[in-house]
PDB file of N, CA and C in Angstrom:
ATOM      1  N   UNK A   1     -20.573 -78.617 -41.827  1.00  0.00           N
ATOM      2  CA  UNK A   1     -19.993 -77.869 -40.729  1.00  0.00           C
ATOM      3  C   UNK A   1     -21.012 -76.872 -40.195  1.00  0.00           C
ATOM      4  N   UNK A   2     -21.258 -76.944 -38.905  1.00  0.00           N
ATOM      5  CA  UNK A   2     -22.188 -76.024 -38.287  1.00  0.00           C
ATOM      6  C   UNK A   2     -21.469 -74.736 -37.928  1.00  0.00           C
ATOM      7  N   UNK A   3     -22.122 -73.654 -38.187  1.00  0.00           N
ATOM      8  CA  UNK A   3     -21.568 -72.368 -37.780  1.00  0.00           C
ATOM      9  C   UNK A   3     -22.569 -71.675 -36.884  1.00  0.00           C
ATOM     10  N   UNK A   4     -22.037 -70.916 -35.994  1.00  0.00           N
ATOM     11  CA  UNK A   4     -22.860 -70.187 -35.054  1.00  0.00           C
ATOM     12  C   UNK A   4     -22.869 -68.717 -35.443  1.00  0.00           C
ATOM     13  N   UNK A   5     -23.896 -68.012 -35.008  1.00  0.00           N
ATOM     14  CA  UNK A   5     -23.929 -66.580 -35.277  1.00  0.00           C
ATOM     15  C   UNK A   5     -22.832 -65.857 -34.493  1.00  0.00           C
ATOM     16  N   UNK A   6     -22.282 -66.528 -33.485  1.00  0.00           N
ATOM     17  CA  UNK A   6     -21.220 -65.929 -32.688  1.00  0.00           C
ATOM     18  C   UNK A   6     -19.848 -66.079 -33.330  1.00  0.00           C
ATOM     19  N   UNK A   7     -19.737 -66.881 -34.387  1.00  0.00           N
ATOM     20  CA  UNK A   7     -18.450 -67.036 -35.066  1.00  0.00           C
ATOM     21  C   UNK A   7     -17.946 -65.722 -35.628  1.00  0.00           C
ATOM     22  N   UNK A   8     -18.839 -64.816 -35.965  1.00  0.00           N
ATOM     23  CA  UNK A   8     -18.429 -63.512 -36.489  1.00  0.00           C
ATOM     24  C   UNK A   8     -17.725 -62.681 -35.420  1.00  0.00           C
ATOM     25  N   UNK A   9     -17.953 -63.006 -34.159  1.00  0.00           N
ATOM     26  CA  UNK A   9     -17.325 -62.262 -33.076  1.00  0.00           C
ATOM     27  C   UNK A   9     -15.924 -62.768 -32.747  1.00  0.00           C
ATOM     28  N   UNK A  10     -15.549 -63.924 -33.276  1.00  0.00           N
ATOM     29  CA  UNK A  10     -14.251 -64.502 -32.974  1.00  0.00           C
ATOM     30  C   UNK A  10     -13.169 -63.876 -33.847  1.00  0.00           C
ATOM     31  N   UNK A  11     -12.045 -63.597 -33.255  1.00  0.00           N
ATOM     32  CA  UNK A  11     -10.937 -62.979 -33.966  1.00  0.00           C
ATOM     33  C   UNK A  11      -9.817 -63.997 -34.076  1.00  0.00           C
ATOM     34  N   UNK A  12      -9.263 -64.136 -35.262  1.00  0.00           N
ATOM     35  CA  UNK A  12      -8.161 -65.075 -35.479  1.00  0.00           C
ATOM     36  C   UNK A  12      -6.923 -64.281 -35.870  1.00  0.00           C
ATOM     37  N   UNK A  13      -6.267 -63.696 -34.880  1.00  0.00           N
ATOM     38  CA  UNK A  13      -5.070 -62.884 -35.090  1.00  0.00           C
ATOM     39  C   UNK A  13      -4.064 -63.222 -34.006  1.00  0.00           C
ATOM     40  N   UNK A  14      -2.824 -62.769 -34.160  1.00  0.00           N
ATOM     41  CA  UNK A  14      -1.814 -63.012 -33.119  1.00  0.00           C
ATOM     42  C   UNK A  14      -2.214 -62.356 -31.795  1.00  0.00           C
ATOM     43  N   UNK A  15      -1.753 -62.958 -30.724  1.00  0.00           N
ATOM     44  CA  UNK A  15      -2.103 -62.484 -29.385  1.00  0.00           C
ATOM     45  C   UNK A  15      -1.724 -61.026 -29.180  1.00  0.00           C
ATOM     46  N   UNK A  16      -0.559 -60.621 -29.673  1.00  0.00           N
ATOM     47  CA  UNK A  16      -0.125 -59.236 -29.422  1.00  0.00           C
ATOM     48  C   UNK A  16      -1.122 -58.233 -30.008  1.00  0.00           C
ATOM     49  N   UNK A  17      -1.703 -58.537 -31.160  1.00  0.00           N
ATOM     50  CA  UNK A  17      -2.696 -57.637 -31.753  1.00  0.00           C
ATOM     51  C   UNK A  17      -3.993 -57.645 -30.950  1.00  0.00           C
ATOM     52  N   UNK A  18      -4.420 -58.833 -30.561  1.00  0.00           N
ATOM     53  CA  UNK A  18      -5.649 -58.947 -29.769  1.00  0.00           C
ATOM     54  C   UNK A  18      -5.482 -58.220 -28.435  1.00  0.00           C
ATOM     55  N   UNK A  19      -4.361 -58.455 -27.773  1.00  0.00           N
ATOM     56  CA  UNK A  19      -4.134 -57.886 -26.444  1.00  0.00           C
ATOM     57  C   UNK A  19      -4.105 -56.364 -26.485  1.00  0.00           C
ATOM     58  N   UNK A  20      -3.334 -55.787 -27.397  1.00  0.00           N
ATOM     59  CA  UNK A  20      -3.170 -54.338 -27.427  1.00  0.00           C
ATOM     60  C   UNK A  20      -4.264 -53.628 -28.195  1.00  0.00           C
ATOM     61  N   UNK A  21      -4.566 -54.062 -29.427  1.00  0.00           N
ATOM     62  CA  UNK A  21      -5.469 -53.314 -30.295  1.00  0.00           C
ATOM     63  C   UNK A  21      -6.942 -53.627 -30.074  1.00  0.00           C
ATOM     64  N   UNK A  22      -7.237 -54.760 -29.463  1.00  0.00           N
ATOM     65  CA  UNK A  22      -8.626 -55.106 -29.166  1.00  0.00           C
ATOM     66  C   UNK A  22      -8.900 -55.102 -27.662  1.00  0.00           C
ATOM     67  N   UNK A  23      -7.860 -55.193 -26.853  1.00  0.00           N
ATOM     68  CA  UNK A  23      -8.030 -55.269 -25.409  1.00  0.00           C
ATOM     69  C   UNK A  23      -7.686 -53.987 -24.689  1.00  0.00           C
ATOM     70  N   UNK A  24      -6.407 -53.687 -24.613  1.00  0.00           N
ATOM     71  CA  UNK A  24      -5.941 -52.583 -23.776  1.00  0.00           C
ATOM     72  C   UNK A  24      -6.459 -51.229 -24.262  1.00  0.00           C
ATOM     73  N   UNK A  25      -6.233 -50.908 -25.511  1.00  0.00           N
ATOM     74  CA  UNK A  25      -6.591 -49.574 -26.007  1.00  0.00           C
ATOM     75  C   UNK A  25      -8.104 -49.336 -25.984  1.00  0.00           C
ATOM     76  N   UNK A  26      -8.917 -50.225 -26.584  1.00  0.00           N
ATOM     77  CA  UNK A  26     -10.371 -49.975 -26.530  1.00  0.00           C
ATOM     78  C   UNK A  26     -10.949 -50.002 -25.113  1.00  0.00           C
ATOM     79  N   UNK A  27     -10.414 -50.868 -24.248  1.00  0.00           N
ATOM     80  CA  UNK A  27     -10.925 -50.923 -22.877  1.00  0.00           C
ATOM     81  C   UNK A  27     -10.664 -49.614 -22.143  1.00  0.00           C
ATOM     82  N   UNK A  28      -9.495 -49.033 -22.348  1.00  0.00           N
ATOM     83  CA  UNK A  28      -9.198 -47.754 -21.709  1.00  0.00           C
ATOM     84  C   UNK A  28     -10.071 -46.634 -22.260  1.00  0.00           C
ATOM     85  N   UNK A  29     -10.315 -46.654 -23.549  1.00  0.00           N
ATOM     86  CA  UNK A  29     -11.201 -45.652 -24.142  1.00  0.00           C
ATOM     87  C   UNK A  29     -12.623 -45.816 -23.606  1.00  0.00           C
ATOM     88  N   UNK A  30     -13.079 -47.053 -23.518  1.00  0.00           N
ATOM     89  CA  UNK A  30     -14.413 -47.311 -22.973  1.00  0.00           C
ATOM     90  C   UNK A  30     -14.522 -46.851 -21.526  1.00  0.00           C
ATOM     91  N   UNK A  31     -13.481 -47.098 -20.750  1.00  0.00           N
ATOM     92  CA  UNK A  31     -13.480 -46.641 -19.362  1.00  0.00           C
ATOM     93  C   UNK A  31     -13.505 -45.120 -19.283  1.00  0.00           C
ATOM     94  N   UNK A  32     -12.736 -44.455 -20.146  1.00  0.00           N
ATOM     95  CA  UNK A  32     -12.720 -42.990 -20.138  1.00  0.00           C
ATOM     96  C   UNK A  32     -14.103 -42.424 -20.455  1.00  0.00           C
ATOM     97  N   UNK A  33     -14.757 -42.996 -21.452  1.00  0.00           N
ATOM     98  CA  UNK A  33     -16.098 -42.531 -21.814  1.00  0.00           C
ATOM     99  C   UNK A  33     -17.086 -42.820 -20.686  1.00  0.00           C
ATOM    100  N   UNK A  34     -16.992 -44.000 -20.102  1.00  0.00           N
ATOM    101  CA  UNK A  34     -17.898 -44.367 -19.010  1.00  0.00           C
ATOM    102  C   UNK A  34     -17.714 -43.449 -17.810  1.00  0.00           C
ATOM    103  N   UNK A  35     -16.467 -43.153 -17.467  1.00  0.00           N
ATOM    104  CA  UNK A  35     -16.229 -42.251 -16.333  1.00  0.00           C
ATOM    105  C   UNK A  35     -16.670 -40.822 -16.647  1.00  0.00           C
ATOM    106  N   UNK A  36     -16.533 -40.410 -17.894  1.00  0.00           N
ATOM    107  CA  UNK A  36     -17.027 -39.083 -18.283  1.00  0.00           C
ATOM    108  C   UNK A  36     -18.541 -39.023 -18.113  1.00  0.00           C
ATOM    109  N   UNK A  37     -19.228 -40.090 -18.505  1.00  0.00           N
ATOM    110  CA  UNK A  37     -20.685 -40.158 -18.322  1.00  0.00           C
ATOM    111  C   UNK A  37     -21.017 -40.161 -16.835  1.00  0.00           C
ATOM    112  N   UNK A  38     -20.274 -40.929 -16.058  1.00  0.00           N
ATOM    113  CA  UNK A  38     -20.529 -41.030 -14.619  1.00  0.00           C
ATOM    114  C   UNK A  38     -20.379 -39.671 -13.935  1.00  0.00           C
ATOM    115  N   UNK A  39     -19.268 -38.986 -14.216  1.00  0.00           N
ATOM    116  CA  UNK A  39     -18.998 -37.724 -13.537  1.00  0.00           C
ATOM    117  C   UNK A  39     -19.778 -36.544 -14.117  1.00  0.00           C
ATOM    118  N   UNK A  40     -20.403 -36.732 -15.260  1.00  0.00           N
ATOM    119  CA  UNK A  40     -21.225 -35.655 -15.823  1.00  0.00           C
ATOM    120  C   UNK A  40     -22.602 -35.606 -15.173  1.00  0.00           C
ATOM    121  N   UNK A  41     -22.913 -36.610 -14.388  1.00  0.00           N
ATOM    122  CA  UNK A  41     -24.206 -36.646 -13.726  1.00  0.00           C
ATOM    123  C   UNK A  41     -25.331 -37.090 -14.646  1.00  0.00           C
ATOM    124  N   UNK A  42     -25.003 -37.937 -15.604  1.00  0.00           N
ATOM    125  CA  UNK A  42     -26.008 -38.426 -16.550  1.00  0.00           C
ATOM    126  C   UNK A  42     -27.068 -39.252 -15.825  1.00  0.00           C
ATOM    127  N   UNK A  43     -28.148 -39.498 -16.519  1.00  0.00           N
ATOM    128  CA  UNK A  43     -29.250 -40.280 -15.957  1.00  0.00           C
ATOM    129  C   UNK A  43     -28.773 -41.681 -15.583  1.00  0.00           C
ATOM    130  N   UNK A  44     -29.443 -42.257 -14.601  1.00  0.00           N
ATOM    131  CA  UNK A  44     -29.069 -43.583 -14.119  1.00  0.00           C
ATOM    132  C   UNK A  44     -29.163 -44.627 -15.220  1.00  0.00           C
ATOM    133  N   UNK A  45     -30.166 -44.528 -16.074  1.00  0.00           N
ATOM    134  CA  UNK A  45     -30.302 -45.510 -17.166  1.00  0.00           C
ATOM    135  C   UNK A  45     -29.125 -45.415 -18.140  1.00  0.00           C
ATOM    136  N   UNK A  46     -28.653 -44.215 -18.398  1.00  0.00           N
ATOM    137  CA  UNK A  46     -27.485 -44.037 -19.266  1.00  0.00           C
ATOM    138  C   UNK A  46     -26.256 -44.657 -18.624  1.00  0.00           C
ATOM    139  N   UNK A  47     -26.098 -44.438 -17.352  1.00  0.00           N
ATOM    140  CA  UNK A  47     -24.960 -44.998 -16.628  1.00  0.00           C
ATOM    141  C   UNK A  47     -25.020 -46.526 -16.621  1.00  0.00           C
ATOM    142  N   UNK A  48     -26.180 -47.084 -16.373  1.00  0.00           N
ATOM    143  CA  UNK A  48     -26.331 -48.538 -16.386  1.00  0.00           C
ATOM    144  C   UNK A  48     -26.039 -49.094 -17.777  1.00  0.00           C
ATOM    145  N   UNK A  49     -26.483 -48.401 -18.806  1.00  0.00           N
ATOM    146  CA  UNK A  49     -26.179 -48.822 -20.177  1.00  0.00           C
ATOM    147  C   UNK A  49     -24.670 -48.815 -20.428  1.00  0.00           C
ATOM    148  N   UNK A  50     -23.980 -47.763 -19.995  1.00  0.00           N
ATOM    149  CA  UNK A  50     -22.533 -47.690 -20.187  1.00  0.00           C
ATOM    150  C   UNK A  50     -21.820 -48.817 -19.427  1.00  0.00           C
ATOM    151  N   UNK A  51     -22.269 -49.084 -18.210  1.00  0.00           N
ATOM    152  CA  UNK A  51     -21.677 -50.183 -17.449  1.00  0.00           C
ATOM    153  C   UNK A  51     -21.926 -51.516 -18.141  1.00  0.00           C
ATOM    154  N   UNK A  52     -23.104 -51.702 -18.690  1.00  0.00           N
ATOM    155  CA  UNK A  52     -23.424 -52.950 -19.392  1.00  0.00           C
ATOM    156  C   UNK A  52     -22.539 -53.120 -20.628  1.00  0.00           C
ATOM    157  N   UNK A  53     -22.341 -52.044 -21.379  1.00  0.00           N
ATOM    158  CA  UNK A  53     -21.460 -52.104 -22.554  1.00  0.00           C
ATOM    159  C   UNK A  53     -20.035 -52.438 -22.121  1.00  0.00           C
ATOM    160  N   UNK A  54     -19.564 -51.783 -21.085  1.00  0.00           N
ATOM    161  CA  UNK A  54     -18.212 -52.019 -20.583  1.00  0.00           C
ATOM    162  C   UNK A  54     -18.037 -53.459 -20.109  1.00  0.00           C
ATOM    163  N   UNK A  55     -18.989 -53.962 -19.355  1.00  0.00           N
ATOM    164  CA  UNK A  55     -18.897 -55.339 -18.857  1.00  0.00           C
ATOM    165  C   UNK A  55     -19.026 -56.354 -19.990  1.00  0.00           C
ATOM    166  N   UNK A  56     -19.892 -56.084 -20.937  1.00  0.00           N
ATOM    167  CA  UNK A  56     -20.025 -56.978 -22.089  1.00  0.00           C
ATOM    168  C   UNK A  56     -18.747 -57.035 -22.912  1.00  0.00           C
ATOM    169  N   UNK A  57     -18.163 -55.884 -23.165  1.00  0.00           N
ATOM    170  CA  UNK A  57     -16.907 -55.845 -23.918  1.00  0.00           C
ATOM    171  C   UNK A  57     -15.803 -56.569 -23.158  1.00  0.00           C
ATOM    172  N   UNK A  58     -15.751 -56.361 -21.850  1.00  0.00           N
ATOM    173  CA  UNK A  58     -14.732 -57.020 -21.027  1.00  0.00           C
ATOM    174  C   UNK A  58     -14.896 -58.535 -21.074  1.00  0.00           C
ATOM    175  N   UNK A  59     -16.128 -59.012 -20.990  1.00  0.00           N
ATOM    176  CA  UNK A  59     -16.369 -60.458 -21.063  1.00  0.00           C
ATOM    177  C   UNK A  59     -15.942 -61.007 -22.420  1.00  0.00           C
ATOM    178  N   UNK A  60     -16.259 -60.275 -23.488  1.00  0.00           N
ATOM    179  CA  UNK A  60     -15.884 -60.723 -24.831  1.00  0.00           C
ATOM    180  C   UNK A  60     -14.368 -60.744 -25.007  1.00  0.00           C
ATOM    181  N   UNK A  61     -13.680 -59.704 -24.575  1.00  0.00           N
ATOM    182  CA  UNK A  61     -12.235 -59.627 -24.820  1.00  0.00           C
ATOM    183  C   UNK A  61     -11.468 -60.616 -23.952  1.00  0.00           C
ATOM    184  N   UNK A  62     -11.952 -60.917 -22.757  1.00  0.00           N
ATOM    185  CA  UNK A  62     -11.251 -61.909 -21.941  1.00  0.00           C
ATOM    186  C   UNK A  62     -11.335 -63.273 -22.607  1.00  0.00           C
ATOM    187  N   UNK A  63     -12.470 -63.579 -23.211  1.00  0.00           N
ATOM    188  CA  UNK A  63     -12.591 -64.838 -23.948  1.00  0.00           C
ATOM    189  C   UNK A  63     -11.685 -64.890 -25.159  1.00  0.00           C
ATOM    190  N   UNK A  64     -11.581 -63.778 -25.880  1.00  0.00           N
ATOM    191  CA  UNK A  64     -10.722 -63.727 -27.065  1.00  0.00           C
ATOM    192  C   UNK A  64      -9.250 -63.871 -26.697  1.00  0.00           C
ATOM    193  N   UNK A  65      -8.828 -63.177 -25.657  1.00  0.00           N
ATOM    194  CA  UNK A  65      -7.430 -63.270 -25.242  1.00  0.00           C
ATOM    195  C   UNK A  65      -7.137 -64.663 -24.709  1.00  0.00           C
ATOM    196  N   UNK A  66      -8.061 -65.227 -23.984  1.00  0.00           N
ATOM    197  CA  UNK A  66      -7.869 -66.579 -23.469  1.00  0.00           C
ATOM    198  C   UNK A  66      -7.721 -67.576 -24.622  1.00  0.00           C
ATOM    199  N   UNK A  67      -8.556 -67.399 -25.648  1.00  0.00           N
ATOM    200  CA  UNK A  67      -8.537 -68.297 -26.796  1.00  0.00           C
ATOM    201  C   UNK A  67      -7.262 -68.137 -27.628  1.00  0.00           C
ATOM    202  N   UNK A  68      -6.755 -66.920 -27.751  1.00  0.00           N
ATOM    203  CA  UNK A  68      -5.592 -66.655 -28.602  1.00  0.00           C
ATOM    204  C   UNK A  68      -4.260 -66.721 -27.860  1.00  0.00           C
ATOM    205  N   UNK A  69      -4.272 -66.980 -26.571  1.00  0.00           N
ATOM    206  CA  UNK A  69      -3.028 -66.923 -25.808  1.00  0.00           C
ATOM    207  C   UNK A  69      -2.108 -68.119 -26.056  1.00  0.00           C
ATOM    208  N   UNK A  70      -2.567 -69.092 -26.808  1.00  0.00           N
ATOM    209  CA  UNK A  70      -1.705 -70.236 -27.125  1.00  0.00           C
ATOM    210  C   UNK A  70      -0.901 -70.033 -28.402  1.00  0.00           C
ATOM    211  N   UNK A  71      -1.200 -68.993 -29.185  1.00  0.00           N
ATOM    212  CA  UNK A  71      -0.497 -68.810 -30.455  1.00  0.00           C
ATOM    213  C   UNK A  71       0.692 -67.849 -30.324  1.00  0.00           C
ATOM    214  N   UNK A  72       1.518 -68.080 -29.312  1.00  0.00           N
ATOM    215  CA  UNK A  72       2.724 -67.277 -29.100  1.00  0.00           C
ATOM    216  C   UNK A  72       3.936 -68.199 -29.045  1.00  0.00           C
ATOM    217  N   UNK A  73       5.106 -67.644 -29.341  1.00  0.00           N
ATOM    218  CA  UNK A  73       6.330 -68.449 -29.299  1.00  0.00           C
ATOM    219  C   UNK A  73       6.694 -68.834 -27.867  1.00  0.00           C
ATOM    220  N   UNK A  74       6.580 -67.890 -26.961  1.00  0.00           N
ATOM    221  CA  UNK A  74       6.907 -68.136 -25.562  1.00  0.00           C
ATOM    222  C   UNK A  74       5.598 -68.334 -24.787  1.00  0.00           C
ATOM    223  N   UNK A  75       5.340 -69.540 -24.280  1.00  0.00           N
ATOM    224  CA  UNK A  75       4.090 -69.803 -23.564  1.00  0.00           C
ATOM    225  C   UNK A  75       3.883 -68.900 -22.345  1.00  0.00           C
ATOM    226  N   UNK A  76       4.982 -68.406 -21.783  1.00  0.00           N
ATOM    227  CA  UNK A  76       4.855 -67.518 -20.618  1.00  0.00           C
ATOM    228  C   UNK A  76       4.126 -66.233 -20.987  1.00  0.00           C
ATOM    229  N   UNK A  77       4.323 -65.761 -22.210  1.00  0.00           N
ATOM    230  CA  UNK A  77       3.633 -64.540 -22.641  1.00  0.00           C
ATOM    231  C   UNK A  77       2.122 -64.755 -22.703  1.00  0.00           C
ATOM    232  N   UNK A  78       1.714 -65.910 -23.137  1.00  0.00           N
ATOM    233  CA  UNK A  78       0.293 -66.226 -23.158  1.00  0.00           C
ATOM    234  C   UNK A  78      -0.298 -66.267 -21.759  1.00  0.00           C
ATOM    235  N   UNK A  79       0.436 -66.865 -20.834  1.00  0.00           N
ATOM    236  CA  UNK A  79      -0.038 -66.934 -19.451  1.00  0.00           C
ATOM    237  C   UNK A  79      -0.087 -65.548 -18.810  1.00  0.00           C
ATOM    238  N   UNK A  80       0.915 -64.719 -19.102  1.00  0.00           N
ATOM    239  CA  UNK A  80       0.914 -63.354 -18.577  1.00  0.00           C
ATOM    240  C   UNK A  80      -0.291 -62.591 -19.109  1.00  0.00           C
ATOM    241  N   UNK A  81      -0.586 -62.745 -20.389  1.00  0.00           N
ATOM    242  CA  UNK A  81      -1.742 -62.073 -20.984  1.00  0.00           C
ATOM    243  C   UNK A  81      -3.035 -62.538 -20.321  1.00  0.00           C
ATOM    244  N   UNK A  82      -3.127 -63.825 -20.044  1.00  0.00           N
ATOM    245  CA  UNK A  82      -4.324 -64.348 -19.375  1.00  0.00           C
ATOM    246  C   UNK A  82      -4.491 -63.751 -17.983  1.00  0.00           C
ATOM    247  N   UNK A  83      -3.412 -63.728 -17.223  1.00  0.00           N
ATOM    248  CA  UNK A  83      -3.472 -63.204 -15.850  1.00  0.00           C
ATOM    249  C   UNK A  83      -3.812 -61.717 -15.861  1.00  0.00           C
ATOM    250  N   UNK A  84      -3.146 -60.946 -16.721  1.00  0.00           N
ATOM    251  CA  UNK A  84      -3.419 -59.513 -16.780  1.00  0.00           C
ATOM    252  C   UNK A  84      -4.854 -59.220 -17.204  1.00  0.00           C
ATOM    253  N   UNK A  85      -5.361 -59.981 -18.150  1.00  0.00           N
ATOM    254  CA  UNK A  85      -6.722 -59.763 -18.613  1.00  0.00           C
ATOM    255  C   UNK A  85      -7.736 -60.170 -17.547  1.00  0.00           C
ATOM    256  N   UNK A  86      -7.468 -61.247 -16.845  1.00  0.00           N
ATOM    257  CA  UNK A  86      -8.361 -61.656 -15.754  1.00  0.00           C
ATOM    258  C   UNK A  86      -8.364 -60.601 -14.646  1.00  0.00           C
ATOM    259  N   UNK A  87      -7.195 -60.059 -14.325  1.00  0.00           N
ATOM    260  CA  UNK A  87      -7.120 -59.003 -13.308  1.00  0.00           C
ATOM    261  C   UNK A  87      -7.876 -57.763 -13.761  1.00  0.00           C
ATOM    262  N   UNK A  88      -7.740 -57.416 -15.046  1.00  0.00           N
ATOM    263  CA  UNK A  88      -8.470 -56.264 -15.589  1.00  0.00           C
ATOM    264  C   UNK A  88      -9.980 -56.504 -15.499  1.00  0.00           C
ATOM    265  N   UNK A  89     -10.418 -57.714 -15.800  1.00  0.00           N
ATOM    266  CA  UNK A  89     -11.842 -58.033 -15.750  1.00  0.00           C
ATOM    267  C   UNK A  89     -12.372 -57.953 -14.319  1.00  0.00           C
ATOM    268  N   UNK A  90     -11.619 -58.461 -13.368  1.00  0.00           N
ATOM    269  CA  UNK A  90     -12.035 -58.382 -11.960  1.00  0.00           C
ATOM    270  C   UNK A  90     -12.098 -56.924 -11.517  1.00  0.00           C
ATOM    271  N   UNK A  91     -11.097 -56.150 -11.907  1.00  0.00           N
ATOM    272  CA  UNK A  91     -11.071 -54.726 -11.587  1.00  0.00           C
ATOM    273  C   UNK A  91     -12.281 -54.015 -12.190  1.00  0.00           C
ATOM    274  N   UNK A  92     -12.596 -54.314 -13.431  1.00  0.00           N
ATOM    275  CA  UNK A  92     -13.746 -53.699 -14.091  1.00  0.00           C
ATOM    276  C   UNK A  92     -15.043 -54.063 -13.379  1.00  0.00           C
ATOM    277  N   UNK A  93     -15.197 -55.320 -13.033  1.00  0.00           N
ATOM    278  CA  UNK A  93     -16.401 -55.766 -12.339  1.00  0.00           C
ATOM    279  C   UNK A  93     -16.557 -55.067 -10.987  1.00  0.00           C
ATOM    280  N   UNK A  94     -15.486 -55.013 -10.220  1.00  0.00           N
ATOM    281  CA  UNK A  94     -15.559 -54.379  -8.904  1.00  0.00           C
ATOM    282  C   UNK A  94     -15.798 -52.879  -9.006  1.00  0.00           C
ATOM    283  N   UNK A  95     -15.098 -52.212  -9.916  1.00  0.00           N
ATOM    284  CA  UNK A  95     -15.278 -50.766 -10.055  1.00  0.00           C
ATOM    285  C   UNK A  95     -16.687 -50.403 -10.510  1.00  0.00           C
ATOM    286  N   UNK A  96     -17.224 -51.147 -11.464  1.00  0.00           N
ATOM    287  CA  UNK A  96     -18.584 -50.838 -11.907  1.00  0.00           C
ATOM    288  C   UNK A  96     -19.583 -51.077 -10.770  1.00  0.00           C
ATOM    289  N   UNK A  97     -19.380 -52.132 -10.013  1.00  0.00           N
ATOM    290  CA  UNK A  97     -20.289 -52.412  -8.895  1.00  0.00           C
ATOM    291  C   UNK A  97     -20.217 -51.305  -7.846  1.00  0.00           C
ATOM    292  N   UNK A  98     -19.007 -50.898  -7.471  1.00  0.00           N
ATOM    293  CA  UNK A  98     -18.880 -49.871  -6.445  1.00  0.00           C
ATOM    294  C   UNK A  98     -19.343 -48.503  -6.927  1.00  0.00           C
ATOM    295  N   UNK A  99     -19.082 -48.172  -8.186  1.00  0.00           N
ATOM    296  CA  UNK A  99     -19.568 -46.898  -8.711  1.00  0.00           C
ATOM    297  C   UNK A  99     -21.090 -46.876  -8.789  1.00  0.00           C
ATOM    298  N   UNK A 100     -21.673 -47.995  -9.159  1.00  0.00           N
ATOM    299  CA  UNK A 100     -23.138 -48.069  -9.212  1.00  0.00           C
ATOM    300  C   UNK A 100     -23.723 -47.975  -7.807  1.00  0.00           C
ATOM    301  N   UNK A 101     -23.118 -48.666  -6.854  1.00  0.00           N
ATOM    302  CA  UNK A 101     -23.599 -48.577  -5.472  1.00  0.00           C
ATOM    303  C   UNK A 101     -23.470 -47.153  -4.935  1.00  0.00           C
ATOM    304  N   UNK A 102     -22.378 -46.479  -5.272  1.00  0.00           N
ATOM    305  CA  UNK A 102     -22.198 -45.102  -4.828  1.00  0.00           C
ATOM    306  C   UNK A 102     -23.267 -44.202  -5.437  1.00  0.00           C
ATOM    307  N   UNK A 103     -23.561 -44.417  -6.688  1.00  0.00           N
ATOM    308  CA  UNK A 103     -24.587 -43.592  -7.367  1.00  0.00           C
ATOM    309  C   UNK A 103     -25.970 -43.849  -6.774  1.00  0.00           C
ATOM    310  N   UNK A 104     -26.248 -45.104  -6.441  1.00  0.00           N
ATOM    311  CA  UNK A 104     -27.552 -45.440  -5.882  1.00  0.00           C
ATOM    312  C   UNK A 104     -27.702 -44.990  -4.427  1.00  0.00           C
ATOM    313  N   UNK A 105     -26.563 -44.958  -3.728  1.00  0.00           N
ATOM    314  CA  UNK A 105     -26.600 -44.649  -2.290  1.00  0.00           C
ATOM    315  C   UNK A 105     -26.556 -43.213  -2.038  1.00  0.00           C
TER     316      UNK A 105
END
């Protein structure tokens, strides 16, 4: 059996735990820290680093939620989680882009 170094990043837990404890709560904390850095007037490299961490985490968690959304009793809950996470990811991408453009402009 081949294993990848990325297997350590995969989470095998129920969707509700992944969605709330790995998705919603940490993403909001990451956003709060990123916005604190943004509004504190930190260096551009620090801001770009924070945006990169935020976008990387968002990409990872959307994959995890997508992968775990089939292990629910009601399939509609899995689909709702997918849609909400995709919307959150689009929102994160757009906000980071516009905040970076505002900082550069």
